[in-house]
Amino acid sequence: MIDLLNSDISSLVEVVFFLLPGFLVIMFFQYLVPSREKSDLQTVVLSVATSVGLSYLTGVFYGILNFLSSLNLNLKPSHFIFSTTSLLIGFLLVALLAKLIRSGKFEKFITRFLKRRPFGRLWHYFLNSPPNTVVKVFTTDNKVYIGIIKEFSIDPSDEIQELELWKPLYYDPFSQRPVRIKEVETVLLEGHAIVSIEKVIPKEASKIYPELK
């Protein structure tokens, strides 16, 4: 009975070591390239498929080491070492893949054929702009704010999307001029309170913020 129990525990540990690298790599990829929220089933399938691929690549990696070794080490790593190696290989490949995906050329190439952005959402692509980008934000309470994008949430799984404006101005509808909000340094706006966002062209932005010239 004890031997059977130990065997079951050992098999469970092997399954965990096999699946864990794939799951962590998928989580890491979703962190680097925020995309539309996936169901639990999709996450499980992607994790298992990734684990299978990483297990194969890791096996090839150790096979190459043995082949190249003049000492013929015949490496036989433990489940922990094998899984750790798979995880490191996965993180490296995902980091390179994320860098490729987030490059402008790749994005234009894929979007041209799919007619849509394969990863992320427009909120992220629109606000992920060069430093000192000035925007005009229209809110549901009929107010208009002008400010420099400081930070924004990009995780599609977030229930609340937030936009932080630095050196905010309040656009006065009566004088039709921006008025500096002297009491604060930044303004935090929640996504559900935003009607629309417009990017201010650099020429106009430099008039509002002369220090950006």
C-alpha atoms as a PDB file:
ATOM      1  CA  MET A   1       0.000   0.000   0.000  1.00  0.00           C
ATOM      2  CA  ILE A   2       2.821   2.383   0.936  1.00  0.00           C
ATOM      3  CA  ASP A   3       4.729   1.498  -2.244  1.00  0.00           C
ATOM      4  CA  LEU A   4       1.593   2.184  -4.303  1.00  0.00           C
ATOM      5  CA  LEU A   5       1.102   5.535  -2.581  1.00  0.00           C
ATOM      6  CA  ASN A   6       4.730   6.505  -3.126  1.00  0.00           C
ATOM      7  CA  SER A   7       4.402   5.505  -6.776  1.00  0.00           C
ATOM      8  CA  ASP A   8       1.318   7.709  -7.212  1.00  0.00           C
ATOM      9  CA  ILE A   9       3.044  10.664  -5.558  1.00  0.00           C
ATOM     10  CA  SER A  10       6.131  10.163  -7.718  1.00  0.00           C
ATOM     11  CA  SER A  11       3.976  10.067 -10.874  1.00  0.00           C
ATOM     12  CA  LEU A  12       2.127  13.215  -9.780  1.00  0.00           C
ATOM     13  CA  VAL A  13       5.415  15.032  -9.204  1.00  0.00           C
ATOM     14  CA  GLU A  14       6.584  14.042 -12.684  1.00  0.00           C
ATOM     15  CA  VAL A  15       3.366  15.412 -14.201  1.00  0.00           C
ATOM     16  CA  VAL A  16       3.747  18.677 -12.284  1.00  0.00           C
ATOM     17  CA  PHE A  17       7.390  19.074 -13.370  1.00  0.00           C
ATOM     18  CA  PHE A  18       6.302  18.387 -16.961  1.00  0.00           C
ATOM     19  CA  LEU A  19       3.386  20.877 -17.045  1.00  0.00           C
ATOM     20  CA  LEU A  20       4.784  23.693 -14.891  1.00  0.00           C
ATOM     21  CA  PRO A  21       7.317  25.097 -17.416  1.00  0.00           C
ATOM     22  CA  GLY A  22       4.657  25.408 -20.108  1.00  0.00           C
ATOM     23  CA  PHE A  23       2.222  27.149 -17.766  1.00  0.00           C
ATOM     24  CA  LEU A  24       4.824  29.627 -16.485  1.00  0.00           C
ATOM     25  CA  VAL A  25       6.068  30.370 -19.996  1.00  0.00           C
ATOM     26  CA  ILE A  26       2.506  31.109 -21.192  1.00  0.00           C
ATOM     27  CA  MET A  27       1.982  33.438 -18.197  1.00  0.00           C
ATOM     28  CA  PHE A  28       5.282  35.166 -18.980  1.00  0.00           C
ATOM     29  CA  PHE A  29       4.304  35.630 -22.629  1.00  0.00           C
ATOM     30  CA  GLN A  30       0.930  37.114 -21.664  1.00  0.00           C
ATOM     31  CA  TYR A  31       2.740  39.511 -19.344  1.00  0.00           C
ATOM     32  CA  LEU A  32       5.130  40.654 -22.089  1.00  0.00           C
ATOM     33  CA  VAL A  33       2.455  40.795 -24.792  1.00  0.00           C
ATOM     34  CA  PRO A  34      -0.911  41.542 -23.169  1.00  0.00           C
ATOM     35  CA  SER A  35      -3.630  40.007 -25.306  1.00  0.00           C
ATOM     36  CA  ARG A  36      -7.312  39.334 -25.117  1.00  0.00           C
ATOM     37  CA  GLU A  37      -8.328  37.337 -22.062  1.00  0.00           C
ATOM     38  CA  LYS A  38      -8.270  33.585 -22.677  1.00  0.00           C
ATOM     39  CA  SER A  39     -10.566  30.995 -21.151  1.00  0.00           C
ATOM     40  CA  ASP A  40      -9.265  28.425 -18.656  1.00  0.00           C
ATOM     41  CA  LEU A  41      -9.532  25.731 -21.332  1.00  0.00           C
ATOM     42  CA  GLN A  42      -7.452  27.764 -23.800  1.00  0.00           C
ATOM     43  CA  THR A  43      -4.806  28.405 -21.138  1.00  0.00           C
ATOM     44  CA  VAL A  44      -4.624  24.704 -20.245  1.00  0.00           C
ATOM     45  CA  VAL A  45      -4.333  23.621 -23.892  1.00  0.00           C
ATOM     46  CA  LEU A  46      -1.636  26.215 -24.608  1.00  0.00           C
ATOM     47  CA  SER A  47       0.252  25.243 -21.448  1.00  0.00           C
ATOM     48  CA  VAL A  48       0.216  21.524 -22.302  1.00  0.00           C
ATOM     49  CA  ALA A  49       1.252  22.178 -25.912  1.00  0.00           C
ATOM     50  CA  THR A  50       4.048  24.486 -24.750  1.00  0.00           C
ATOM     51  CA  SER A  51       5.231  21.892 -22.205  1.00  0.00           C
ATOM     52  CA  VAL A  52       5.402  19.245 -24.935  1.00  0.00           C
ATOM     53  CA  GLY A  53       7.411  21.548 -27.195  1.00  0.00           C
ATOM     54  CA  LEU A  54       9.767  22.625 -24.419  1.00  0.00           C
ATOM     55  CA  SER A  55      10.292  19.024 -23.315  1.00  0.00           C
ATOM     56  CA  TYR A  56      11.317  18.107 -26.866  1.00  0.00           C
ATOM     57  CA  LEU A  57      13.654  21.115 -27.194  1.00  0.00           C
ATOM     58  CA  THR A  58      15.236  20.408 -23.805  1.00  0.00           C
ATOM     59  CA  GLY A  59      15.801  16.776 -24.776  1.00  0.00           C
ATOM     60  CA  VAL A  60      17.475  17.947 -27.975  1.00  0.00           C
ATOM     61  CA  PHE A  61      19.563  20.416 -25.958  1.00  0.00           C
ATOM     62  CA  TYR A  62      20.926  17.715 -23.639  1.00  0.00           C
ATOM     63  CA  GLY A  63      21.431  15.401 -26.617  1.00  0.00           C
ATOM     64  CA  ILE A  64      23.594  18.041 -28.301  1.00  0.00           C
ATOM     65  CA  LEU A  65      25.593  18.529 -25.115  1.00  0.00           C
ATOM     66  CA  ASN A  66      26.284  14.820 -24.953  1.00  0.00           C
ATOM     67  CA  PHE A  67      27.215  14.715 -28.636  1.00  0.00           C
ATOM     68  CA  LEU A  68      29.599  17.656 -28.375  1.00  0.00           C
ATOM     69  CA  SER A  69      31.176  16.505 -25.131  1.00  0.00           C
ATOM     70  CA  SER A  70      34.542  14.862 -25.728  1.00  0.00           C
ATOM     71  CA  LEU A  71      34.123  13.154 -22.348  1.00  0.00           C
ATOM     72  CA  ASN A  72      30.808  11.589 -23.385  1.00  0.00           C
ATOM     73  CA  LEU A  73      29.152  12.723 -20.153  1.00  0.00           C
ATOM     74  CA  ASN A  74      25.850  11.004 -20.973  1.00  0.00           C
ATOM     75  CA  LEU A  75      23.941  13.603 -18.977  1.00  0.00           C
ATOM     76  CA  LYS A  76      20.788  12.329 -17.288  1.00  0.00           C
ATOM     77  CA  PRO A  77      19.315  15.304 -15.465  1.00  0.00           C
ATOM     78  CA  SER A  78      16.739  14.881 -12.710  1.00  0.00           C
ATOM     79  CA  HIS A  79      13.135  15.941 -13.296  1.00  0.00           C
ATOM     80  CA  PHE A  80      13.823  19.203 -11.452  1.00  0.00           C
ATOM     81  CA  ILE A  81      16.938  20.059 -13.480  1.00  0.00           C
ATOM     82  CA  PHE A  82      15.210  19.060 -16.731  1.00  0.00           C
ATOM     83  CA  SER A  83      12.161  21.219 -15.929  1.00  0.00           C
ATOM     84  CA  THR A  84      14.348  24.142 -14.876  1.00  0.00           C
ATOM     85  CA  THR A  85      16.236  23.916 -18.154  1.00  0.00           C
ATOM     86  CA  SER A  86      12.925  23.798 -20.054  1.00  0.00           C
ATOM     87  CA  LEU A  87      11.768  26.880 -18.182  1.00  0.00           C
ATOM     88  CA  LEU A  88      14.929  28.825 -18.985  1.00  0.00           C
ATOM     89  CA  ILE A  89      14.736  27.841 -22.652  1.00  0.00           C
ATOM     90  CA  GLY A  90      11.065  28.830 -22.707  1.00  0.00           C
ATOM     91  CA  PHE A  91      11.695  32.228 -21.112  1.00  0.00           C
ATOM     92  CA  LEU A  92      14.483  32.948 -23.601  1.00  0.00           C
ATOM     93  CA  LEU A  93      12.368  31.989 -26.613  1.00  0.00           C
ATOM     94  CA  VAL A  94       9.339  33.905 -25.343  1.00  0.00           C
ATOM     95  CA  ALA A  95      11.414  37.046 -24.700  1.00  0.00           C
ATOM     96  CA  LEU A  96      12.737  36.901 -28.279  1.00  0.00           C
ATOM     97  CA  LEU A  97       9.252  36.199 -29.655  1.00  0.00           C
ATOM     98  CA  ALA A  98       7.744  39.084 -27.682  1.00  0.00           C
ATOM     99  CA  LYS A  99      10.419  41.444 -28.990  1.00  0.00           C
ATOM    100  CA  LEU A 100       9.612  40.358 -32.554  1.00  0.00           C
ATOM    101  CA  ILE A 101       5.851  40.637 -32.097  1.00  0.00           C
ATOM    102  CA  ARG A 102       6.052  44.106 -30.568  1.00  0.00           C
ATOM    103  CA  SER A 103       8.218  45.414 -33.397  1.00  0.00           C
ATOM    104  CA  GLY A 104       6.486  47.783 -35.767  1.00  0.00           C
ATOM    105  CA  LYS A 105       7.366  45.868 -38.936  1.00  0.00           C
ATOM    106  CA  PHE A 106       5.925  42.573 -37.665  1.00  0.00           C
ATOM    107  CA  GLU A 107       2.758  44.310 -36.503  1.00  0.00           C
ATOM    108  CA  LYS A 108       2.202  45.944 -39.899  1.00  0.00           C
ATOM    109  CA  PHE A 109       2.941  42.668 -41.730  1.00  0.00           C
ATOM    110  CA  ILE A 110       0.455  40.605 -39.709  1.00  0.00           C
ATOM    111  CA  THR A 111      -2.233  43.311 -39.590  1.00  0.00           C
ATOM    112  CA  ARG A 112      -2.108  43.639 -43.384  1.00  0.00           C
ATOM    113  CA  PHE A 113      -3.171  40.002 -43.836  1.00  0.00           C
ATOM    114  CA  LEU A 114      -5.429  39.482 -40.818  1.00  0.00           C
ATOM    115  CA  LYS A 115      -7.047  42.913 -41.066  1.00  0.00           C
ATOM    116  CA  ARG A 116      -6.782  43.132 -37.278  1.00  0.00           C
ATOM    117  CA  ARG A 117      -4.154  43.280 -34.590  1.00  0.00           C
ATOM    118  CA  PRO A 118      -3.322  39.723 -33.508  1.00  0.00           C
ATOM    119  CA  PHE A 119      -2.187  40.679 -30.022  1.00  0.00           C
ATOM    120  CA  GLY A 120      -3.161  43.246 -27.447  1.00  0.00           C
ATOM    121  CA  ARG A 121      -5.956  45.773 -27.800  1.00  0.00           C
ATOM    122  CA  LEU A 122      -6.296  49.232 -29.294  1.00  0.00           C
ATOM    123  CA  TRP A 123      -6.113  50.827 -25.842  1.00  0.00           C
ATOM    124  CA  HIS A 124      -2.539  49.575 -25.538  1.00  0.00           C
ATOM    125  CA  TYR A 125      -1.443  50.400 -29.088  1.00  0.00           C
ATOM    126  CA  PHE A 126      -2.966  53.871 -29.023  1.00  0.00           C
ATOM    127  CA  LEU A 127      -1.461  54.922 -25.694  1.00  0.00           C
ATOM    128  CA  ASN A 128       1.899  53.167 -26.116  1.00  0.00           C
ATOM    129  CA  SER A 129       3.384  56.309 -27.623  1.00  0.00           C
ATOM    130  CA  PRO A 130       6.746  58.103 -27.516  1.00  0.00           C
ATOM    131  CA  PRO A 131       7.620  59.998 -24.312  1.00  0.00           C
ATOM    132  CA  ASN A 132       5.912  63.348 -23.734  1.00  0.00           C
ATOM    133  CA  THR A 133       2.901  62.520 -25.898  1.00  0.00           C
ATOM    134  CA  VAL A 134       0.119  65.002 -25.163  1.00  0.00           C
ATOM    135  CA  VAL A 135      -3.519  63.868 -25.281  1.00  0.00           C
ATOM    136  CA  LYS A 136      -6.939  65.426 -24.899  1.00  0.00           C
ATOM    137  CA  VAL A 137      -9.366  63.265 -22.905  1.00  0.00           C
ATOM    138  CA  PHE A 138     -13.155  63.656 -22.987  1.00  0.00           C
ATOM    139  CA  THR A 139     -14.980  62.212 -19.972  1.00  0.00           C
ATOM    140  CA  THR A 140     -18.555  61.113 -19.314  1.00  0.00           C
ATOM    141  CA  ASP A 141     -19.201  64.133 -17.049  1.00  0.00           C
ATOM    142  CA  ASN A 142     -18.654  66.465 -20.032  1.00  0.00           C
ATOM    143  CA  LYS A 143     -15.181  67.535 -18.946  1.00  0.00           C
ATOM    144  CA  VAL A 144     -12.076  67.739 -21.078  1.00  0.00           C
ATOM    145  CA  TYR A 145      -8.582  67.131 -19.739  1.00  0.00           C
ATOM    146  CA  ILE A 146      -5.274  67.772 -21.455  1.00  0.00           C
ATOM    147  CA  GLY A 147      -2.075  66.184 -20.212  1.00  0.00           C
ATOM    148  CA  ILE A 148       1.081  64.233 -20.921  1.00  0.00           C
ATOM    149  CA  ILE A 149       0.741  60.449 -20.847  1.00  0.00           C
ATOM    150  CA  LYS A 150       2.620  59.240 -17.794  1.00  0.00           C
ATOM    151  CA  GLU A 151       1.334  55.712 -17.306  1.00  0.00           C
ATOM    152  CA  PHE A 152      -1.586  53.485 -18.253  1.00  0.00           C
ATOM    153  CA  SER A 153      -2.802  49.972 -17.556  1.00  0.00           C
ATOM    154  CA  ILE A 154      -2.413  47.515 -20.433  1.00  0.00           C
ATOM    155  CA  ASP A 155      -3.470  44.186 -18.943  1.00  0.00           C
ATOM    156  CA  PRO A 156      -6.652  43.088 -20.773  1.00  0.00           C
ATOM    157  CA  SER A 157      -7.604  41.022 -17.722  1.00  0.00           C
ATOM    158  CA  ASP A 158      -7.905  44.168 -15.610  1.00  0.00           C
ATOM    159  CA  GLU A 159     -11.494  45.082 -14.820  1.00  0.00           C
ATOM    160  CA  ILE A 160     -10.455  48.736 -14.695  1.00  0.00           C
ATOM    161  CA  GLN A 161      -8.319  50.406 -17.340  1.00  0.00           C
ATOM    162  CA  GLU A 162      -6.585  53.518 -16.035  1.00  0.00           C
ATOM    163  CA  LEU A 163      -4.801  56.465 -17.629  1.00  0.00           C
ATOM    164  CA  GLU A 164      -2.531  58.804 -15.671  1.00  0.00           C
ATOM    165  CA  LEU A 165      -1.910  62.298 -17.047  1.00  0.00           C
ATOM    166  CA  TRP A 166       1.101  64.352 -15.980  1.00  0.00           C
ATOM    167  CA  LYS A 167       0.894  68.171 -15.672  1.00  0.00           C
ATOM    168  CA  PRO A 168      -2.867  68.079 -16.314  1.00  0.00           C
ATOM    169  CA  LEU A 169      -4.880  70.939 -17.711  1.00  0.00           C
ATOM    170  CA  TYR A 170      -8.622  71.444 -17.612  1.00  0.00           C
ATOM    171  CA  TYR A 171     -10.088  72.691 -20.864  1.00  0.00           C
ATOM    172  CA  ASP A 172     -12.502  75.524 -20.044  1.00  0.00           C
ATOM    173  CA  PRO A 173     -15.467  75.359 -22.476  1.00  0.00           C
ATOM    174  CA  PHE A 174     -16.318  79.026 -21.900  1.00  0.00           C
ATOM    175  CA  SER A 175     -12.934  80.606 -22.579  1.00  0.00           C
ATOM    176  CA  GLN A 176     -11.983  77.657 -24.824  1.00  0.00           C
ATOM    177  CA  ARG A 177      -8.544  77.658 -23.276  1.00  0.00           C
ATOM    178  CA  PRO A 178      -6.707  75.108 -21.165  1.00  0.00           C
ATOM    179  CA  VAL A 179      -6.349  76.017 -17.492  1.00  0.00           C
ATOM    180  CA  ARG A 180      -3.579  74.487 -15.375  1.00  0.00           C
ATOM    181  CA  ILE A 181      -4.780  72.421 -12.419  1.00  0.00           C
ATOM    182  CA  LYS A 182      -2.337  73.862  -9.912  1.00  0.00           C
ATOM    183  CA  GLU A 183      -3.362  71.693  -6.972  1.00  0.00           C
ATOM    184  CA  VAL A 184      -2.217  68.396  -8.491  1.00  0.00           C
ATOM    185  CA  GLU A 185       0.748  66.982 -10.390  1.00  0.00           C
ATOM    186  CA  THR A 186      -1.094  64.094 -12.048  1.00  0.00           C
ATOM    187  CA  VAL A 187      -4.685  63.054 -12.749  1.00  0.00           C
ATOM    188  CA  LEU A 188      -5.849  59.431 -12.796  1.00  0.00           C
ATOM    189  CA  LEU A 189      -8.764  58.665 -15.108  1.00  0.00           C
ATOM    190  CA  GLU A 190     -10.587  55.331 -15.234  1.00  0.00           C
ATOM    191  CA  GLY A 191     -11.374  53.814 -18.618  1.00  0.00           C
ATOM    192  CA  HIS A 192     -15.123  53.553 -18.069  1.00  0.00           C
ATOM    193  CA  ALA A 193     -15.254  57.327 -17.410  1.00  0.00           C
ATOM    194  CA  ILE A 194     -13.558  58.176 -20.702  1.00  0.00           C
ATOM    195  CA  VAL A 195     -15.645  58.928 -23.788  1.00  0.00           C
ATOM    196  CA  SER A 196     -12.745  59.415 -26.174  1.00  0.00           C
ATOM    197  CA  ILE A 197      -9.050  60.278 -26.363  1.00  0.00           C
ATOM    198  CA  GLU A 198      -7.323  62.423 -28.970  1.00  0.00           C
ATOM    199  CA  LYS A 199      -3.590  62.823 -29.523  1.00  0.00           C
ATOM    200  CA  VAL A 200      -2.491  66.439 -29.798  1.00  0.00           C
ATOM    201  CA  ILE A 201      -0.168  67.078 -32.728  1.00  0.00           C
ATOM    202  CA  PRO A 202       3.407  68.059 -31.692  1.00  0.00           C
ATOM    203  CA  LYS A 203       3.074  71.642 -32.983  1.00  0.00           C
ATOM    204  CA  GLU A 204       0.012  72.323 -30.824  1.00  0.00           C
ATOM    205  CA  ALA A 205       1.439  70.342 -27.906  1.00  0.00           C
ATOM    206  CA  SER A 206       4.538  72.562 -27.824  1.00  0.00           C
ATOM    207  CA  LYS A 207       2.264  75.613 -27.492  1.00  0.00           C
ATOM    208  CA  ILE A 208       0.552  74.102 -24.475  1.00  0.00           C
ATOM    209  CA  TYR A 209       3.765  72.734 -22.952  1.00  0.00           C
ATOM    210  CA  PRO A 210       6.662  74.963 -24.137  1.00  0.00           C
ATOM    211  CA  GLU A 211       9.102  72.851 -22.090  1.00  0.00           C
ATOM    212  CA  LEU A 212       8.544  69.964 -24.521  1.00  0.00           C
ATOM    213  CA  LYS A 213      10.223  71.791 -27.399  1.00  0.00           C
END
